[in-house]
Amino acid sequence: MKPNANRMILATAAALTALANLLEAVHNFMN
């Protein structure tokens, strides 16, 4: 694959991880 594709995949994975952590934090805050 092209380096740009790998970079996009890594950026997407990082964004999904950050979103998951944010949702977990909100869930913990609500409880």
PDB file of N, CA and C in Angstrom:
ATOM      1  N   MET A   1       0.838  -1.207   0.000  1.00  0.00           N
ATOM      2  CA  MET A   1       0.000   0.000   0.000  1.00  0.00           C
ATOM      3  C   MET A   1       0.869   1.251   0.000  1.00  0.00           C
ATOM      4  N   LYS A   2       0.206   2.336  -0.350  1.00  0.00           N
ATOM      5  CA  LYS A   2       0.927   3.612  -0.345  1.00  0.00           C
ATOM      6  C   LYS A   2       1.100   4.101   1.094  1.00  0.00           C
ATOM      7  N   PRO A   3       2.174   4.854   1.353  1.00  0.00           N
ATOM      8  CA  PRO A   3       2.392   5.404   2.701  1.00  0.00           C
ATOM      9  C   PRO A   3       1.204   6.250   3.157  1.00  0.00           C
ATOM     10  N   ASN A   4       0.580   6.967   2.217  1.00  0.00           N
ATOM     11  CA  ASN A   4      -0.556   7.805   2.599  1.00  0.00           C
ATOM     12  C   ASN A   4      -1.707   6.952   3.115  1.00  0.00           C
ATOM     13  N   ALA A   5      -1.904   5.778   2.500  1.00  0.00           N
ATOM     14  CA  ALA A   5      -2.975   4.888   2.949  1.00  0.00           C
ATOM     15  C   ALA A   5      -2.684   4.385   4.354  1.00  0.00           C
ATOM     16  N   ASN A   6      -1.428   3.993   4.602  1.00  0.00           N
ATOM     17  CA  ASN A   6      -1.060   3.519   5.943  1.00  0.00           C
ATOM     18  C   ASN A   6      -1.263   4.624   6.971  1.00  0.00           C
ATOM     19  N   ARG A   7      -0.883   5.839   6.604  1.00  0.00           N
ATOM     20  CA  ARG A   7      -1.019   6.969   7.533  1.00  0.00           C
ATOM     21  C   ARG A   7      -2.503   7.220   7.821  1.00  0.00           C
ATOM     22  N   MET A   8      -3.331   7.085   6.773  1.00  0.00           N
ATOM     23  CA  MET A   8      -4.772   7.313   6.963  1.00  0.00           C
ATOM     24  C   MET A   8      -5.360   6.250   7.877  1.00  0.00           C
ATOM     25  N   ILE A   9      -4.911   4.997   7.703  1.00  0.00           N
ATOM     26  CA  ILE A   9      -5.405   3.906   8.546  1.00  0.00           C
ATOM     27  C   ILE A   9      -4.996   4.142   9.998  1.00  0.00           C
ATOM     28  N   LEU A  10      -3.759   4.560  10.209  1.00  0.00           N
ATOM     29  CA  LEU A  10      -3.293   4.814  11.579  1.00  0.00           C
ATOM     30  C   LEU A  10      -4.064   5.980  12.199  1.00  0.00           C
ATOM     31  N   ALA A  11      -4.315   7.010  11.400  1.00  0.00           N
ATOM     32  CA  ALA A  11      -5.053   8.170  11.907  1.00  0.00           C
ATOM     33  C   ALA A  11      -6.485   7.764  12.259  1.00  0.00           C
ATOM     34  N   THR A  12      -7.079   6.918  11.428  1.00  0.00           N
ATOM     35  CA  THR A  12      -8.446   6.466  11.687  1.00  0.00           C
ATOM     36  C   THR A  12      -8.496   5.624  12.955  1.00  0.00           C
ATOM     37  N   ALA A  13      -7.519   4.733  13.105  1.00  0.00           N
ATOM     38  CA  ALA A  13      -7.468   3.888  14.296  1.00  0.00           C
ATOM     39  C   ALA A  13      -7.295   4.748  15.549  1.00  0.00           C
ATOM     40  N   ALA A  14      -6.457   5.763  15.465  1.00  0.00           N
ATOM     41  CA  ALA A  14      -6.232   6.650  16.611  1.00  0.00           C
ATOM     42  C   ALA A  14      -7.511   7.416  16.944  1.00  0.00           C
ATOM     43  N   ALA A  15      -8.223   7.859  15.911  1.00  0.00           N
ATOM     44  CA  ALA A  15      -9.464   8.603  16.129  1.00  0.00           C
ATOM     45  C   ALA A  15     -10.523   7.699  16.770  1.00  0.00           C
ATOM     46  N   LEU A  16     -10.610   6.448  16.296  1.00  0.00           N
ATOM     47  CA  LEU A  16     -11.588   5.522  16.869  1.00  0.00           C
ATOM     48  C   LEU A  16     -11.246   5.210  18.319  1.00  0.00           C
ATOM     49  N   THR A  17      -9.960   5.078  18.616  1.00  0.00           N
ATOM     50  CA  THR A  17      -9.543   4.805  19.992  1.00  0.00           C
ATOM     51  C   THR A  17      -9.886   5.987  20.893  1.00  0.00           C
ATOM     52  N   ALA A  18      -9.625   7.199  20.402  1.00  0.00           N
ATOM     53  CA  ALA A  18      -9.930   8.397  21.188  1.00  0.00           C
ATOM     54  C   ALA A  18     -11.435   8.515  21.408  1.00  0.00           C
ATOM     55  N   LEU A  19     -12.216   8.184  20.369  1.00  0.00           N
ATOM     56  CA  LEU A  19     -13.668   8.261  20.495  1.00  0.00           C
ATOM     57  C   LEU A  19     -14.173   7.248  21.510  1.00  0.00           C
ATOM     58  N   ALA A  20     -13.604   6.038  21.473  1.00  0.00           N
ATOM     59  CA  ALA A  20     -14.002   4.998  22.419  1.00  0.00           C
ATOM     60  C   ALA A  20     -13.676   5.424  23.843  1.00  0.00           C
ATOM     61  N   ASN A  21     -12.506   6.015  24.035  1.00  0.00           N
ATOM     62  CA  ASN A  21     -12.116   6.477  25.373  1.00  0.00           C
ATOM     63  C   ASN A  21     -13.047   7.594  25.844  1.00  0.00           C
ATOM     64  N   LEU A  22     -13.433   8.484  24.928  1.00  0.00           N
ATOM     65  CA  LEU A  22     -14.331   9.588  25.280  1.00  0.00           C
ATOM     66  C   LEU A  22     -15.697   9.050  25.674  1.00  0.00           C
ATOM     67  N   LEU A  23     -16.200   8.087  24.893  1.00  0.00           N
ATOM     68  CA  LEU A  23     -17.507   7.513  25.206  1.00  0.00           C
ATOM     69  C   LEU A  23     -17.475   6.791  26.546  1.00  0.00           C
ATOM     70  N   GLU A  24     -16.379   6.111  26.827  1.00  0.00           N
ATOM     71  CA  GLU A  24     -16.252   5.410  28.105  1.00  0.00           C
ATOM     72  C   GLU A  24     -16.212   6.415  29.254  1.00  0.00           C
ATOM     73  N   ALA A  25     -15.517   7.524  29.046  1.00  0.00           N
ATOM     74  CA  ALA A  25     -15.428   8.551  30.083  1.00  0.00           C
ATOM     75  C   ALA A  25     -16.804   9.160  30.338  1.00  0.00           C
ATOM     76  N   VAL A  26     -17.560   9.402  29.269  1.00  0.00           N
ATOM     77  CA  VAL A  26     -18.910   9.962  29.423  1.00  0.00           C
ATOM     78  C   VAL A  26     -19.804   8.962  30.151  1.00  0.00           C
ATOM     79  N   HIS A  27     -19.675   7.685  29.788  1.00  0.00           N
ATOM     80  CA  HIS A  27     -20.480   6.651  30.438  1.00  0.00           C
ATOM     81  C   HIS A  27     -20.164   6.585  31.925  1.00  0.00           C
ATOM     82  N   ASN A  28     -18.889   6.654  32.274  1.00  0.00           N
ATOM     83  CA  ASN A  28     -18.493   6.617  33.680  1.00  0.00           C
ATOM     84  C   ASN A  28     -18.976   7.869  34.406  1.00  0.00           C
ATOM     85  N   PHE A  29     -18.981   8.999  33.710  1.00  0.00           N
ATOM     86  CA  PHE A  29     -19.418  10.249  34.329  1.00  0.00           C
ATOM     87  C   PHE A  29     -20.924  10.211  34.608  1.00  0.00           C
ATOM     88  N   MET A  30     -21.689   9.620  33.678  1.00  0.00           N
ATOM     89  CA  MET A  30     -23.133   9.532  33.856  1.00  0.00           C
ATOM     90  C   MET A  30     -23.467   8.629  35.039  1.00  0.00           C
ATOM     91  N   ASN A  31     -22.682   7.594  35.230  1.00  0.00           N
ATOM     92  CA  ASN A  31     -22.900   6.710  36.371  1.00  0.00           C
ATOM     93  C   ASN A  31     -22.063   7.220  37.538  1.00  0.00           C
TER      94      ASN A  31
END
